[in-house]
Amino acid sequence: MSNNLPYQIVEPIISAALREDFGRSGDITTISCVPSDVNAKWVMRSREDGVIAGVDIAAITLKLVDANAVFDAVKHNGDSVKKGEIIANISGNARSLLMAERVMLNFVGRLSGIATLTSKYVELVKHTNAKITDTRKTTPNLRAFEKFAVKMGGGVNHRFGLDDAILIKDNHVAACGGVENALLAAKSNVGHLVPIEIEVDSIAQLKAALPHYPDVIMLDNFSNEMLCDAVKITRDFAGKRITLEASGGVNINTVKAIAETGVDVISVGALTHSAPNFDVGLDSE
């Protein structure tokens, strides 16, 4: 697993963030107050315990502002940190550091918050075989960043977009006239390399789906008792050929019991739509 996103993916997004911050005239505060020949040395420091993500993105942000500035990472994506630990040493022209500061911190704070929250979920289910996965409930245009942060926290990624895999949701089932019709249509319209997942909201729908062997069945808003029943029914019918995903009603207080039902995957929208910002700052040496 690579611990950095490809430059070709991150650069346009970072550039857009810098353009947003620079506005029409650039950093008029820094240009007005700080002489152009002043140099500075800073440290990026964690202000709480957690898991770091976005270090490479912060480094690219600084380089896009000033190619001569130095970003020396002490911690790397996926590393655990304690409050007060140094994440990176940063040096260069003071104007450049000030202009890049907020965008760097925004990325590291947002992504480390996601990685830290994900790690808490992963820790709670580590005694089971269940994997924690994200959803498409991401910030527009930041999906690659946020799903990367989930991986840094020990989670796995669900599909990145509508073209990754077939995921037949409840409204698809209704529009198709039932679970069986939806699965038959999907199988007849895609090639052998395209995985198929279907969402079911009852044991009856689960039993209707099983004979068509979808790759994944999403058990939506099942009670824990229903999840246990679904696991037994599916394993008796298909062994390990069908992956079972629990979805809906998952939070930090419920995830452990859900994992203990025997499901394979637990999808958690909160990883990306409700992660708190991670407190990180830049301090002068």
Protein backbone atom coordinates (compact mmCIF):
# COMPACT_ATOMS: atom_id res chain seq x y z
CA MET A 1 0.00 0.00 0.00
CA SER A 2 1.45 3.35 -1.00
CA ASN A 3 1.53 5.93 1.76
CA ASN A 4 1.24 8.82 -0.67
CA LEU A 5 -1.35 9.75 -3.27
CA PRO A 6 -0.03 10.29 -6.83
CA TYR A 7 1.11 13.86 -7.50
CA GLN A 8 -1.09 14.03 -10.60
CA ILE A 9 -4.18 13.54 -8.40
CA VAL A 10 -3.31 15.90 -5.57
CA GLU A 11 -1.74 18.85 -7.41
CA PRO A 12 -4.90 20.20 -9.09
CA ILE A 13 -6.84 20.02 -5.82
CA ILE A 14 -4.09 21.73 -3.82
CA SER A 15 -3.71 24.41 -6.48
CA ALA A 16 -7.44 25.09 -6.34
CA ALA A 17 -7.27 25.42 -2.55
CA LEU A 18 -4.39 27.89 -2.82
CA ARG A 19 -6.24 29.93 -5.44
CA GLU A 20 -9.26 30.06 -3.15
CA ASP A 21 -7.13 31.33 -0.26
CA PHE A 22 -5.07 33.81 -2.31
CA GLY A 23 -8.21 35.34 -3.78
CA ARG A 24 -7.79 38.25 -6.18
CA SER A 25 -4.69 39.89 -4.70
CA GLY A 26 -2.69 37.32 -2.77
CA ASP A 27 -1.75 37.53 0.90
CA ILE A 28 -1.97 41.28 1.42
CA THR A 29 -1.26 40.95 5.17
CA THR A 30 2.03 39.13 4.70
CA ILE A 31 3.15 41.26 1.77
CA SER A 32 2.38 44.42 3.73
CA CYS A 33 4.00 43.42 7.03
CA VAL A 34 6.84 40.96 6.38
CA PRO A 35 10.03 42.01 4.55
CA SER A 36 10.78 39.90 1.51
CA ASP A 37 14.23 38.84 2.74
CA VAL A 38 13.19 37.39 6.12
CA ASN A 39 13.63 33.63 6.62
CA ALA A 40 11.93 31.47 9.22
CA LYS A 41 12.00 28.01 10.78
CA TRP A 42 8.79 26.41 12.01
CA VAL A 43 7.63 23.07 13.31
CA MET A 44 4.30 21.45 12.52
CA ARG A 45 3.17 20.04 15.84
CA SER A 46 0.37 17.75 16.95
CA ARG A 47 -1.85 19.20 19.65
CA GLU A 48 -3.61 15.93 20.47
CA ASP A 49 -3.09 12.17 20.20
CA GLY A 50 -4.09 10.50 16.96
CA VAL A 51 -3.11 9.21 13.53
CA ILE A 52 -1.53 11.52 10.98
CA ALA A 53 -2.56 11.81 7.32
CA GLY A 54 -1.91 14.46 4.68
CA VAL A 55 1.79 15.02 5.38
CA ASP A 56 2.69 14.60 1.71
CA ILE A 57 -0.13 16.94 0.73
CA ALA A 58 1.18 19.61 3.10
CA ALA A 59 4.66 19.21 1.61
CA ILE A 60 3.35 19.67 -1.94
CA THR A 61 1.32 22.69 -0.82
CA LEU A 62 4.46 24.39 0.46
CA LYS A 63 6.42 23.55 -2.68
CA LEU A 64 3.68 24.98 -4.89
CA VAL A 65 3.96 28.25 -2.99
CA ASP A 66 7.77 28.26 -2.96
CA ALA A 67 9.90 25.60 -4.62
CA ASN A 68 12.88 26.59 -2.44
CA ALA A 69 11.11 26.09 0.88
CA VAL A 70 12.04 22.98 2.88
CA PHE A 71 9.51 20.54 4.33
CA ASP A 72 11.27 17.84 6.36
CA ALA A 73 8.75 15.25 7.52
CA VAL A 74 9.35 13.68 10.94
CA LYS A 75 6.08 11.75 10.93
CA HIS A 76 4.55 10.12 7.88
CA ASN A 77 1.05 9.20 6.73
CA GLY A 78 -0.41 6.52 8.97
CA ASP A 79 1.92 7.20 11.90
CA SER A 80 0.53 7.51 15.41
CA VAL A 81 1.38 10.72 17.26
CA LYS A 82 1.10 12.01 20.79
CA LYS A 83 0.14 15.51 21.82
CA GLY A 84 3.11 17.84 21.39
CA GLU A 85 5.05 15.66 18.95
CA ILE A 86 6.66 17.27 15.90
CA ILE A 87 5.21 16.19 12.57
CA ALA A 88 7.54 18.17 10.30
CA ASN A 89 10.27 20.79 10.32
CA ILE A 90 9.61 23.61 7.88
CA SER A 91 11.97 26.37 6.79
CA GLY A 92 12.33 28.98 4.09
CA ASN A 93 11.23 32.46 3.19
CA ALA A 94 8.89 33.73 5.90
CA ARG A 95 6.42 35.12 3.38
CA SER A 96 6.12 31.74 1.71
CA LEU A 97 5.57 29.90 4.99
CA LEU A 98 2.86 32.32 6.02
CA MET A 99 1.10 32.10 2.65
CA ALA A 100 1.07 28.28 2.74
CA GLU A 101 0.27 27.89 6.45
CA ARG A 102 -3.52 27.71 6.49
CA VAL A 103 -3.95 25.45 3.47
CA MET A 104 -1.31 23.05 4.82
CA LEU A 105 -3.00 22.90 8.22
CA ASN A 106 -6.47 22.55 6.72
CA PHE A 107 -5.45 19.46 4.78
CA VAL A 108 -3.52 17.82 7.63
CA GLY A 109 -6.24 18.65 10.17
CA ARG A 110 -9.07 17.30 8.03
CA LEU A 111 -7.31 14.14 6.91
CA SER A 112 -5.76 13.34 10.28
CA GLY A 113 -9.22 13.71 11.83
CA ILE A 114 -10.56 11.06 9.45
CA ALA A 115 -7.57 8.76 10.02
CA THR A 116 -7.87 9.14 13.79
CA LEU A 117 -11.61 8.41 13.85
CA THR A 118 -11.14 5.41 11.55
CA SER A 119 -8.44 4.00 13.82
CA LYS A 120 -10.87 4.10 16.76
CA TYR A 121 -13.42 2.03 14.83
CA VAL A 122 -10.74 -0.41 13.67
CA GLU A 123 -9.49 -0.86 17.22
CA LEU A 124 -12.98 -1.74 18.44
CA VAL A 125 -13.41 -4.61 15.94
CA LYS A 126 -9.86 -5.96 15.84
CA HIS A 127 -10.89 -9.11 17.75
CA THR A 128 -13.19 -10.05 14.84
CA ASN A 129 -12.69 -10.61 11.12
CA ALA A 130 -14.79 -7.58 10.19
CA LYS A 131 -13.27 -4.77 8.15
CA ILE A 132 -14.22 -1.12 8.52
CA THR A 133 -14.97 0.62 5.25
CA ASP A 134 -15.98 4.10 4.16
CA THR A 135 -18.80 5.27 1.87
CA ARG A 136 -19.28 7.90 -0.84
CA LYS A 137 -20.45 10.41 1.77
CA THR A 138 -17.38 12.53 1.21
CA THR A 139 -16.63 16.22 0.72
CA PRO A 140 -17.12 17.08 -2.98
CA ASN A 141 -13.80 17.03 -4.85
CA LEU A 142 -11.93 15.65 -1.82
CA ARG A 143 -12.99 12.01 -2.10
CA ALA A 144 -9.54 10.71 -3.05
CA PHE A 145 -7.98 12.57 -0.11
CA GLU A 146 -10.59 11.46 2.41
CA LYS A 147 -10.65 7.83 1.34
CA PHE A 148 -6.85 7.83 1.49
CA ALA A 149 -7.10 9.07 5.09
CA VAL A 150 -9.44 6.15 5.90
CA LYS A 151 -6.74 3.75 4.70
CA MET A 152 -4.14 5.52 6.84
CA GLY A 153 -6.40 4.88 9.83
CA GLY A 154 -6.52 1.17 9.09
CA GLY A 155 -9.81 1.05 7.22
CA VAL A 156 -10.54 -0.12 3.70
CA ASN A 157 -12.19 1.69 0.82
CA HIS A 158 -15.64 1.07 -0.60
CA ARG A 159 -16.19 2.12 -4.23
CA PHE A 160 -14.79 5.50 -5.28
CA GLY A 161 -17.55 6.35 -7.73
CA LEU A 162 -20.55 5.16 -9.65
CA ASP A 163 -18.35 3.42 -12.23
CA ASP A 164 -16.37 1.24 -9.79
CA ALA A 165 -18.93 -1.50 -9.29
CA ILE A 166 -22.63 -2.19 -9.46
CA LEU A 167 -24.35 -1.35 -6.18
CA ILE A 168 -28.08 -2.02 -6.37
CA LYS A 169 -29.76 0.09 -3.69
CA ASP A 170 -33.36 -0.01 -2.45
CA ASN A 171 -34.56 2.50 -5.03
CA HIS A 172 -32.96 0.46 -7.82
CA VAL A 173 -34.75 -2.63 -6.51
CA ALA A 174 -38.06 -0.77 -6.45
CA ALA A 175 -37.55 0.60 -9.97
CA CYS A 176 -36.66 -2.86 -11.29
CA GLY A 177 -39.61 -4.61 -9.68
CA GLY A 178 -37.75 -6.63 -7.09
CA VAL A 179 -34.42 -8.13 -6.02
CA GLU A 180 -34.41 -10.94 -8.57
CA ASN A 181 -35.21 -8.67 -11.53
CA ALA A 182 -32.49 -6.23 -10.49
CA LEU A 183 -29.83 -8.92 -10.17
CA LEU A 184 -30.75 -10.62 -13.44
CA ALA A 185 -30.58 -7.29 -15.26
CA ALA A 186 -27.25 -6.39 -13.70
CA LYS A 187 -25.66 -9.73 -14.54
CA SER A 188 -26.82 -9.52 -18.14
CA ASN A 189 -25.41 -6.04 -18.69
CA VAL A 190 -21.89 -6.11 -17.27
CA GLY A 191 -18.74 -8.08 -17.87
CA HIS A 192 -17.15 -10.67 -15.62
CA LEU A 193 -14.73 -8.16 -14.06
CA VAL A 194 -17.46 -5.95 -12.60
CA PRO A 195 -18.48 -6.87 -9.04
CA ILE A 196 -22.15 -6.74 -8.09
CA GLU A 197 -23.52 -5.75 -4.68
CA ILE A 198 -27.15 -5.54 -3.69
CA GLU A 199 -28.75 -3.91 -0.67
CA VAL A 200 -31.46 -5.83 1.18
CA ASP A 201 -33.58 -4.68 4.08
CA SER A 202 -35.16 -7.95 5.18
CA ILE A 203 -34.40 -11.65 5.53
CA ALA A 204 -36.91 -12.30 2.75
CA GLN A 205 -34.95 -10.08 0.34
CA LEU A 206 -31.73 -11.78 1.42
CA LYS A 207 -33.16 -15.20 0.56
CA ALA A 208 -34.32 -13.86 -2.80
CA ALA A 209 -30.83 -12.58 -3.59
CA LEU A 210 -28.81 -15.64 -2.56
CA PRO A 211 -29.60 -17.93 -5.54
CA HIS A 212 -28.16 -15.25 -7.88
CA TYR A 213 -24.81 -15.18 -6.06
CA PRO A 214 -24.07 -11.45 -5.95
CA ASP A 215 -20.51 -10.74 -4.89
CA VAL A 216 -21.67 -8.70 -1.90
CA ILE A 217 -24.95 -8.36 -0.03
CA MET A 218 -25.46 -5.20 2.00
CA LEU A 219 -27.60 -5.80 5.07
CA ASP A 220 -29.19 -2.41 5.58
CA ASN A 221 -30.38 -1.38 9.04
CA PHE A 222 -30.58 -4.96 10.27
CA SER A 223 -30.82 -5.50 14.01
CA ASN A 224 -27.93 -7.48 15.50
CA GLU A 225 -30.22 -10.50 15.83
CA MET A 226 -31.12 -10.21 12.15
CA LEU A 227 -27.44 -9.87 11.25
CA CYS A 228 -26.66 -13.12 13.07
CA ASP A 229 -29.49 -14.85 11.21
CA ALA A 230 -28.31 -13.42 7.89
CA VAL A 231 -24.76 -14.64 8.47
CA LYS A 232 -25.95 -18.18 9.25
CA ILE A 233 -28.38 -18.29 6.31
CA THR A 234 -25.75 -17.04 3.88
CA ARG A 235 -22.97 -19.30 5.11
CA ASP A 236 -25.26 -22.35 5.01
CA PHE A 237 -26.27 -21.45 1.46
CA ALA A 238 -23.05 -20.20 -0.09
CA GLY A 239 -20.18 -20.67 2.34
CA LYS A 240 -17.73 -17.76 2.02
CA ARG A 241 -18.58 -17.04 -1.61
CA ILE A 242 -20.74 -14.03 -0.73
CA THR A 243 -19.41 -11.11 1.29
CA LEU A 244 -21.81 -9.66 3.83
CA GLU A 245 -21.72 -5.94 4.55
CA ALA A 246 -23.54 -4.33 7.48
CA SER A 247 -24.71 -0.78 6.93
CA GLY A 248 -26.90 1.71 8.75
CA GLY A 249 -27.03 2.60 12.42
CA VAL A 250 -23.29 2.19 12.83
CA ASN A 251 -21.52 4.41 15.32
CA ILE A 252 -18.67 4.19 17.80
CA ASN A 253 -21.00 2.65 20.39
CA THR A 254 -22.60 0.02 18.16
CA VAL A 255 -19.78 -1.13 15.89
CA LYS A 256 -18.27 -3.72 18.26
CA ALA A 257 -21.53 -5.66 18.63
CA ILE A 258 -22.18 -5.45 14.89
CA ALA A 259 -18.75 -6.91 14.15
CA GLU A 260 -19.38 -9.76 16.57
CA THR A 261 -22.36 -10.95 14.50
CA GLY A 262 -19.90 -12.35 11.96
CA VAL A 263 -20.38 -9.93 9.06
CA ASP A 264 -17.37 -9.39 6.81
CA VAL A 265 -17.53 -5.62 6.27
CA ILE A 266 -19.05 -2.70 8.16
CA SER A 267 -19.57 0.51 6.20
CA VAL A 268 -19.45 3.72 8.23
CA GLY A 269 -20.44 7.00 6.63
CA ALA A 270 -19.35 8.88 9.76
CA LEU A 271 -15.70 8.23 8.95
CA THR A 272 -15.82 11.00 6.37
CA HIS A 273 -18.99 13.00 6.97
CA SER A 274 -18.62 13.42 10.73
CA ALA A 275 -14.92 13.20 11.57
CA PRO A 276 -13.78 16.03 13.87
CA ASN A 277 -10.85 18.15 12.77
CA PHE A 278 -7.50 17.04 14.20
CA ASP A 279 -5.75 19.82 16.13
CA VAL A 280 -2.41 20.59 14.53
CA GLY A 281 -0.49 23.85 14.37
CA LEU A 282 2.67 25.57 13.16
CA ASP A 283 4.99 26.96 15.81
CA SER A 284 8.08 29.09 15.28
CA GLU A 285 11.29 27.66 16.67
